[in-house]
Protein backbone atom coordinates (compact mmCIF):
# COMPACT_ATOMS: atom_id res chain seq x y z
CA UNK A 1 11.65 40.12 77.43
CA UNK A 2 10.43 41.75 74.40
CA UNK A 3 14.21 41.65 73.01
CA UNK A 4 14.16 37.95 74.29
CA UNK A 5 11.12 37.00 71.96
CA UNK A 6 12.46 38.83 68.93
CA UNK A 7 15.53 37.03 69.31
CA UNK A 8 13.40 33.60 69.31
CA UNK A 9 11.39 34.50 66.16
CA UNK A 10 15.11 35.40 64.38
CA UNK A 11 16.12 31.92 65.58
CA UNK A 12 13.38 30.06 64.94
CA UNK A 13 13.16 31.43 61.26
CA UNK A 14 17.06 30.78 60.63
CA UNK A 15 16.26 27.33 61.81
CA UNK A 16 13.93 26.51 59.44
CA UNK A 17 15.86 27.78 56.82
CA UNK A 18 17.96 24.84 54.48
CA UNK A 19 21.95 25.44 53.79
CA UNK A 20 22.70 27.18 51.04
CA UNK A 21 23.37 24.59 47.96
CA UNK A 22 26.87 25.21 47.18
CA UNK A 23 29.80 23.77 45.07
CA UNK A 24 32.90 21.91 45.65
CA UNK A 25 36.18 21.86 44.46
CA UNK A 26 38.77 19.20 45.48
CA UNK A 27 41.15 19.83 48.06
CA UNK A 28 45.22 18.62 46.96
CA UNK A 29 44.27 15.35 46.04
CA UNK A 30 41.07 13.53 47.23
CA UNK A 31 41.83 9.84 48.86
CA UNK A 32 40.52 6.51 47.65
CA UNK A 33 39.32 4.41 50.35
CA UNK A 34 36.89 5.07 53.01
CA UNK A 35 39.35 6.32 55.66
CA UNK A 36 40.98 9.26 53.23
CA UNK A 37 37.35 10.18 51.29
CA UNK A 38 37.86 13.83 51.37
CA UNK A 39 34.84 15.72 52.76
CA UNK A 40 32.88 17.82 50.98
CA UNK A 41 30.24 18.75 53.23
CA UNK A 42 26.45 19.40 52.81
CA UNK A 43 24.16 20.57 50.08
CA UNK A 44 26.61 20.45 47.54
CA UNK A 45 25.55 20.84 43.95
CA UNK A 46 28.75 19.97 42.55
CA UNK A 47 31.93 18.28 42.94
CA UNK A 48 35.27 19.29 40.37
CA UNK A 49 38.14 17.93 40.37
CA UNK A 50 41.06 16.02 38.74
CA UNK A 51 43.00 12.90 38.33
CA UNK A 52 46.08 11.89 36.31
CA UNK A 53 48.42 9.16 35.53
CA UNK A 54 51.10 10.30 37.67
CA UNK A 55 55.18 9.76 36.57
CA UNK A 56 58.17 8.88 37.65
CA UNK A 57 58.59 11.14 40.62
CA UNK A 58 54.76 11.66 41.26
CA UNK A 59 52.81 7.96 41.73
CA UNK A 60 49.32 7.75 39.72
CA UNK A 61 45.92 9.77 41.03
CA UNK A 62 43.37 7.48 39.25
CA UNK A 63 40.69 8.07 41.46
CA UNK A 64 38.86 10.35 43.74
CA UNK A 65 36.51 9.26 46.99
CA UNK A 66 34.35 12.32 48.35
CA UNK A 67 31.96 11.97 51.45
CA UNK A 68 28.96 14.18 51.38
CA UNK A 69 26.06 14.56 53.59
CA UNK A 70 22.44 14.24 52.02
CA UNK A 71 19.02 14.32 53.00
CA UNK A 72 16.28 12.10 52.69
CA UNK A 73 15.15 11.28 49.11
CA UNK A 74 16.58 11.32 45.41
CA UNK A 75 20.33 11.53 44.85
CA UNK A 76 21.46 11.81 41.64
CA UNK A 77 25.17 12.54 39.97
CA UNK A 78 26.34 12.66 36.18
CA UNK A 79 29.11 13.57 33.86
CA UNK A 80 27.09 13.71 31.32
CA UNK A 81 26.47 17.50 30.94
CA UNK A 82 23.24 16.92 33.45
CA UNK A 83 23.15 19.85 36.46
CA UNK A 84 26.07 21.70 34.99
CA UNK A 85 28.28 18.35 35.09
CA UNK A 86 31.28 18.12 32.58
CA UNK A 87 34.45 15.61 31.87
CA UNK A 88 37.68 15.56 29.66
CA UNK A 89 37.71 11.76 29.81
CA UNK A 90 35.96 8.32 29.83
CA UNK A 91 34.49 8.61 33.29
CA UNK A 92 32.75 5.94 35.66
CA UNK A 93 30.65 6.80 38.95
CA UNK A 94 30.67 4.83 42.34
CA UNK A 95 28.25 5.31 45.44
CA UNK A 96 28.83 4.18 48.50
CA UNK A 97 27.61 4.27 52.03
CA UNK A 98 29.12 5.64 54.55
CA UNK A 99 31.07 2.17 55.53
CA UNK A 100 31.71 2.02 52.15
CA UNK A 101 29.59 -0.54 51.27
CA UNK A 102 28.11 -0.31 47.79
CA UNK A 103 25.07 0.94 46.42
CA UNK A 104 25.06 1.97 42.51
CA UNK A 105 27.38 2.47 39.69
CA UNK A 106 27.48 3.74 36.21
CA UNK A 107 30.07 3.78 33.28
CA UNK A 108 28.65 4.83 30.24
CA UNK A 109 25.73 6.96 30.47
CA UNK A 110 22.94 7.21 27.07
CA UNK A 111 25.45 6.49 24.90
CA UNK A 112 28.47 8.94 26.04
CA UNK A 113 30.65 8.72 28.08
CA UNK A 114 29.70 9.97 30.71
CA UNK A 115 27.78 8.47 33.79
CA UNK A 116 24.84 8.85 35.86
CA UNK A 117 23.41 7.31 38.88
CA UNK A 118 20.45 7.85 41.26
CA UNK A 119 19.32 6.23 44.20
CA UNK A 120 16.79 7.17 47.10
CA UNK A 121 18.63 7.54 49.94
CA UNK A 122 18.26 7.94 53.83
CA UNK A 123 19.16 10.87 55.40
CA UNK A 124 23.27 10.79 56.65
CA UNK A 125 26.93 10.57 55.00
CA UNK A 126 27.67 9.00 51.43
CA UNK A 127 30.87 8.15 49.71
CA UNK A 128 30.66 9.34 45.61
CA UNK A 129 33.73 8.14 43.52
CA UNK A 130 34.92 9.08 40.55
CA UNK A 131 37.02 7.24 37.93
CA UNK A 132 38.53 6.86 34.36
CA UNK A 133 37.35 3.63 32.50
CA UNK A 134 38.53 1.06 32.84
CA UNK A 135 39.48 1.59 36.65
CA UNK A 136 37.02 -0.32 38.77
CA UNK A 137 35.96 -0.02 42.47
CA UNK A 138 36.75 -3.71 43.99
CA UNK A 139 35.67 -5.79 47.15
CA UNK A 140 38.13 -7.68 49.58
CA UNK A 141 37.53 -10.61 47.08
CA UNK A 142 38.81 -8.60 43.83
CA UNK A 143 35.18 -8.50 42.46
CA UNK A 144 34.10 -5.67 40.60
CA UNK A 145 31.18 -3.83 42.07
CA UNK A 146 30.54 -2.19 38.56
CA UNK A 147 30.11 -6.42 37.73
CA UNK A 148 27.46 -6.94 39.99
CA UNK A 149 29.76 -7.89 43.26
CA UNK A 150 28.72 -6.84 46.42
CA UNK A 151 30.30 -5.79 49.66
CA UNK A 152 32.80 -3.08 50.72
CA UNK A 153 34.79 -1.03 48.90
CA UNK A 154 38.80 -2.80 49.70
CA UNK A 155 40.46 -0.82 46.82
CA UNK A 156 40.60 0.38 43.03
CA UNK A 157 42.39 -1.39 39.98
CA UNK A 158 44.53 1.64 39.84
CA UNK A 159 44.77 2.11 35.75
CA UNK A 160 42.79 3.99 33.57
CA UNK A 161 41.88 7.22 31.65
CA UNK A 162 42.39 10.47 33.50
CA UNK A 163 41.46 13.95 33.63
CA UNK A 164 39.46 17.06 34.69
CA UNK A 165 35.95 16.70 35.94
CA UNK A 166 32.79 18.75 37.50
CA UNK A 167 30.06 16.50 38.77
CA UNK A 168 26.68 17.64 38.79
CA UNK A 169 24.47 16.90 41.86
CA UNK A 170 20.81 17.20 42.23
CA UNK A 171 19.68 16.52 45.67
CA UNK A 172 15.29 16.33 46.61
CA UNK A 173 16.70 16.91 49.88
CA UNK A 174 18.67 19.51 51.43
CA UNK A 175 20.11 18.59 55.08
CA UNK A 176 19.76 21.44 57.27
CA UNK A 177 22.51 23.36 58.53
CA UNK A 178 23.02 22.50 62.45
CA UNK A 179 24.20 26.68 63.66
CA UNK A 180 20.46 27.77 63.22
CA UNK A 181 19.06 25.25 65.28
CA UNK A 182 21.67 25.44 67.86
CA UNK A 183 20.71 29.17 67.93
CA UNK A 184 16.99 28.21 68.16
CA UNK A 185 17.75 26.06 71.18
CA UNK A 186 19.59 28.72 72.99
CA UNK A 187 16.73 30.88 72.42
CA UNK A 188 14.69 28.54 73.96
CA UNK A 189 17.09 28.74 76.91
CA UNK A 190 17.27 32.46 77.25
CA UNK A 191 13.11 32.86 77.25
CA UNK A 192 12.83 30.17 80.13
CA UNK A 193 15.47 32.02 82.59
CA UNK A 194 13.46 35.01 81.90
CA UNK A 195 10.20 34.00 82.84
CA UNK A 196 11.81 32.50 85.30
CA UNK A 197 13.17 35.60 86.70
CA UNK A 198 10.26 37.35 86.58
CA UNK A 199 8.28 34.99 88.93
């Protein structure tokens, strides 16, 4: 019984901690639309990758779209040098909800060729896109989100600046790891069974 109690305490301690914040690096080529967005994970501090214009053998990779899980609170992403970000080209950032509905975008921030976006979000999955000027994200009618269009991401203009980037990310709320929560449930079940046996 004592061992079960200790296991329960350990599981509870683990469940109360939040997932460690980690950087993410693009694997191969991230997609461009909702169905092909690359999953970056939870509690991401940065996303590093690259875009390229392509050549006769390779199609252009003008934008990257990442799916990430965030907690409730302020979400910020930048390529301006904030949060350890960097870029080798004139970037634009776009934020969508998990279904691809546009939230916000930015081209040049503070007189630089870097970009900065911020939004207060409800916990869940979101899509973060990066492209180079002037490869805009468009809705189904061809409306440019950066120029006040609304709706769902349908396509990109597929041209513009390309290069290497690190998107720095700052989020005020981390997402709890599901595994420790499962450990807590397991510990409670074991404790319940042990009490039942004693009776």
